[in-house]
N, C-alpha and C. Protein backbone atom coordinates (compact mmCIF):
# COMPACT_ATOMS: atom_id res chain seq x y z
N UNK A 1 -7.70 13.35 8.35
CA UNK A 1 -8.74 12.34 8.15
C UNK A 1 -9.38 12.06 9.51
N UNK A 2 -10.69 12.12 9.60
CA UNK A 2 -11.35 11.85 10.87
C UNK A 2 -11.30 10.37 11.18
N UNK A 3 -11.44 10.05 12.46
CA UNK A 3 -11.33 8.65 12.88
C UNK A 3 -12.42 7.79 12.28
N UNK A 4 -13.57 8.37 11.96
CA UNK A 4 -14.64 7.56 11.37
C UNK A 4 -14.38 7.24 9.90
N UNK A 5 -13.48 7.97 9.25
CA UNK A 5 -13.16 7.73 7.85
C UNK A 5 -11.84 6.99 7.66
N UNK A 6 -11.12 6.72 8.75
CA UNK A 6 -9.84 6.06 8.61
C UNK A 6 -10.02 4.61 8.19
N UNK A 7 -9.11 4.16 7.35
CA UNK A 7 -9.15 2.79 6.87
C UNK A 7 -8.52 1.87 7.91
N UNK A 8 -9.16 0.76 8.20
CA UNK A 8 -8.62 -0.21 9.14
C UNK A 8 -7.57 -1.06 8.44
N UNK A 9 -6.41 -1.19 9.05
CA UNK A 9 -5.36 -2.06 8.54
C UNK A 9 -5.16 -3.19 9.53
N UNK A 10 -5.32 -4.40 9.07
CA UNK A 10 -5.17 -5.57 9.93
C UNK A 10 -3.75 -5.61 10.51
N UNK A 11 -3.61 -5.72 11.81
CA UNK A 11 -2.28 -5.73 12.43
C UNK A 11 -1.38 -6.86 11.93
N UNK A 12 -1.97 -7.96 11.49
CA UNK A 12 -1.15 -9.06 10.97
C UNK A 12 -0.36 -8.63 9.75
N UNK A 13 -0.95 -7.76 8.93
CA UNK A 13 -0.26 -7.28 7.74
C UNK A 13 0.62 -6.08 8.08
N UNK A 14 0.10 -5.20 8.92
CA UNK A 14 0.82 -3.97 9.26
C UNK A 14 2.15 -4.25 9.94
N UNK A 15 2.22 -5.29 10.76
CA UNK A 15 3.47 -5.58 11.48
C UNK A 15 4.58 -6.08 10.56
N UNK A 16 4.24 -6.46 9.35
CA UNK A 16 5.24 -6.93 8.39
C UNK A 16 5.81 -5.81 7.52
N UNK A 17 5.25 -4.61 7.66
CA UNK A 17 5.68 -3.47 6.85
C UNK A 17 7.00 -2.93 7.39
N UNK A 18 7.92 -2.66 6.47
CA UNK A 18 9.21 -2.07 6.86
C UNK A 18 9.28 -0.63 6.37
N UNK A 19 10.13 0.19 7.00
CA UNK A 19 10.31 1.56 6.51
C UNK A 19 10.80 1.60 5.06
N UNK A 20 11.61 0.63 4.68
CA UNK A 20 12.11 0.57 3.30
C UNK A 20 10.97 0.34 2.31
N UNK A 21 10.01 -0.50 2.69
CA UNK A 21 8.85 -0.73 1.83
C UNK A 21 8.05 0.56 1.65
N UNK A 22 7.83 1.27 2.75
CA UNK A 22 7.05 2.50 2.66
C UNK A 22 7.76 3.53 1.78
N UNK A 23 9.06 3.66 1.92
CA UNK A 23 9.82 4.61 1.11
C UNK A 23 9.77 4.23 -0.37
N UNK A 24 9.90 2.93 -0.66
CA UNK A 24 9.85 2.47 -2.05
C UNK A 24 8.48 2.75 -2.66
N UNK A 25 7.43 2.56 -1.89
CA UNK A 25 6.08 2.81 -2.41
C UNK A 25 5.88 4.31 -2.63
N UNK A 26 6.35 5.14 -1.70
CA UNK A 26 6.26 6.59 -1.88
C UNK A 26 6.98 7.02 -3.16
N UNK A 27 8.12 6.38 -3.45
CA UNK A 27 8.90 6.73 -4.64
C UNK A 27 8.15 6.33 -5.92
N UNK A 28 7.31 5.30 -5.84
CA UNK A 28 6.56 4.86 -7.01
C UNK A 28 5.25 5.64 -7.20
N UNK A 29 4.82 6.35 -6.17
CA UNK A 29 3.56 7.09 -6.24
C UNK A 29 3.72 8.32 -7.13
N UNK A 30 2.59 8.76 -7.66
CA UNK A 30 2.62 9.97 -8.49
C UNK A 30 2.64 11.22 -7.62
N UNK A 31 2.60 12.39 -8.26
CA UNK A 31 2.69 13.66 -7.53
C UNK A 31 1.50 13.90 -6.61
N UNK A 32 0.42 13.16 -6.81
CA UNK A 32 -0.77 13.29 -5.96
C UNK A 32 -0.80 12.25 -4.84
N UNK A 33 0.28 11.49 -4.70
CA UNK A 33 0.33 10.48 -3.65
C UNK A 33 -0.51 9.26 -3.94
N UNK A 34 -0.63 8.93 -5.24
CA UNK A 34 -1.42 7.76 -5.64
C UNK A 34 -0.53 6.78 -6.40
N UNK A 35 -0.91 5.50 -6.31
CA UNK A 35 -0.22 4.45 -7.02
C UNK A 35 -1.28 3.54 -7.65
N UNK A 36 -1.00 3.02 -8.82
CA UNK A 36 -1.99 2.14 -9.46
C UNK A 36 -1.91 0.74 -8.87
N UNK A 37 -3.00 0.05 -8.97
CA UNK A 37 -3.08 -1.33 -8.48
C UNK A 37 -2.04 -2.23 -9.15
N UNK A 38 -1.90 -2.18 -10.48
CA UNK A 38 -0.90 -3.06 -11.10
C UNK A 38 0.53 -2.77 -10.63
N UNK A 39 0.86 -1.51 -10.38
CA UNK A 39 2.21 -1.17 -9.91
C UNK A 39 2.41 -1.73 -8.50
N UNK A 40 1.41 -1.60 -7.64
CA UNK A 40 1.54 -2.11 -6.27
C UNK A 40 1.56 -3.63 -6.24
N UNK A 41 0.79 -4.27 -7.11
CA UNK A 41 0.84 -5.75 -7.18
C UNK A 41 2.22 -6.21 -7.61
N UNK A 42 2.80 -5.55 -8.60
CA UNK A 42 4.16 -5.90 -9.07
C UNK A 42 5.17 -5.68 -7.95
N UNK A 43 5.03 -4.58 -7.21
CA UNK A 43 5.91 -4.31 -6.08
C UNK A 43 5.84 -5.47 -5.07
N UNK A 44 4.62 -5.90 -4.73
CA UNK A 44 4.45 -6.99 -3.78
C UNK A 44 5.12 -8.27 -4.28
N UNK A 45 4.92 -8.57 -5.54
CA UNK A 45 5.53 -9.78 -6.12
C UNK A 45 7.05 -9.69 -6.11
N UNK A 46 7.59 -8.53 -6.45
CA UNK A 46 9.04 -8.34 -6.45
C UNK A 46 9.63 -8.44 -5.04
N UNK A 47 8.86 -7.99 -4.04
CA UNK A 47 9.32 -8.02 -2.66
C UNK A 47 9.07 -9.38 -1.99
N UNK A 48 8.26 -10.20 -2.64
CA UNK A 48 7.94 -11.51 -2.07
C UNK A 48 6.98 -11.44 -0.90
N UNK A 49 6.09 -10.43 -0.92
CA UNK A 49 5.09 -10.30 0.15
C UNK A 49 3.70 -10.42 -0.45
N UNK A 50 2.75 -10.76 0.40
CA UNK A 50 1.37 -10.85 -0.07
C UNK A 50 0.84 -9.45 -0.35
N UNK A 51 -0.18 -9.37 -1.18
CA UNK A 51 -0.74 -8.08 -1.57
C UNK A 51 -1.21 -7.28 -0.35
N UNK A 52 -1.74 -7.95 0.64
CA UNK A 52 -2.24 -7.25 1.83
C UNK A 52 -1.12 -6.51 2.56
N UNK A 53 0.08 -7.06 2.57
CA UNK A 53 1.22 -6.38 3.20
C UNK A 53 1.59 -5.14 2.39
N UNK A 54 1.61 -5.26 1.08
CA UNK A 54 1.90 -4.10 0.24
C UNK A 54 0.84 -3.03 0.42
N UNK A 55 -0.41 -3.44 0.53
CA UNK A 55 -1.49 -2.49 0.77
C UNK A 55 -1.34 -1.80 2.11
N UNK A 56 -0.96 -2.55 3.14
CA UNK A 56 -0.73 -1.96 4.46
C UNK A 56 0.43 -0.97 4.41
N UNK A 57 1.47 -1.30 3.65
CA UNK A 57 2.61 -0.39 3.50
C UNK A 57 2.17 0.90 2.81
N UNK A 58 1.34 0.79 1.80
CA UNK A 58 0.83 1.98 1.11
C UNK A 58 -0.01 2.82 2.08
N UNK A 59 -0.86 2.16 2.86
CA UNK A 59 -1.67 2.89 3.84
C UNK A 59 -0.78 3.64 4.83
N UNK A 60 0.21 2.95 5.36
CA UNK A 60 1.10 3.57 6.35
C UNK A 60 1.93 4.69 5.74
N UNK A 61 2.22 4.59 4.46
CA UNK A 61 3.00 5.62 3.77
C UNK A 61 2.13 6.79 3.33
N UNK A 62 0.81 6.65 3.48
CA UNK A 62 -0.10 7.72 3.06
C UNK A 62 -0.33 7.75 1.56
N UNK A 63 -0.10 6.61 0.90
CA UNK A 63 -0.27 6.51 -0.56
C UNK A 63 -1.60 5.82 -0.83
N UNK A 64 -2.39 6.40 -1.71
CA UNK A 64 -3.69 5.84 -2.07
C UNK A 64 -3.57 4.97 -3.31
N UNK A 65 -4.26 3.84 -3.30
CA UNK A 65 -4.27 2.93 -4.44
C UNK A 65 -5.46 3.26 -5.31
N UNK A 66 -5.23 3.36 -6.64
CA UNK A 66 -6.35 3.62 -7.55
C UNK A 66 -6.25 2.70 -8.76
N UNK A 67 -7.30 2.70 -9.55
CA UNK A 67 -7.42 1.80 -10.70
C UNK A 67 -7.28 0.34 -10.27
N UNK A 68 -7.94 0.01 -9.17
CA UNK A 68 -7.85 -1.34 -8.64
C UNK A 68 -8.89 -2.22 -9.33
N UNK A 69 -8.41 -3.26 -9.98
CA UNK A 69 -9.30 -4.15 -10.74
C UNK A 69 -9.77 -5.35 -9.92
N UNK A 70 -8.94 -5.82 -9.02
CA UNK A 70 -9.22 -7.08 -8.34
C UNK A 70 -9.69 -6.93 -6.90
N UNK A 71 -9.62 -5.73 -6.35
CA UNK A 71 -10.01 -5.54 -4.96
C UNK A 71 -9.00 -6.08 -3.97
N UNK A 72 -7.74 -6.14 -4.36
CA UNK A 72 -6.69 -6.68 -3.50
C UNK A 72 -6.33 -5.74 -2.36
N UNK A 73 -6.55 -4.44 -2.56
CA UNK A 73 -6.05 -3.46 -1.59
C UNK A 73 -7.18 -2.70 -0.95
């Protein structure tokens, strides 16, 4: 991915991401490295983190969010 196309992740959210979160999100992703918005929202709620932290974890894990209804990620 070129630097002009990279997604910016706010450091306030990114610093709260743990390796365990990234691994759990990778495990929930499909074979194409994608996860649905409802699955990621549920993950965030189960982990007790705000949606932005879960989104940052997905970004860091290289997982793309799709079927996003609310624009949380």
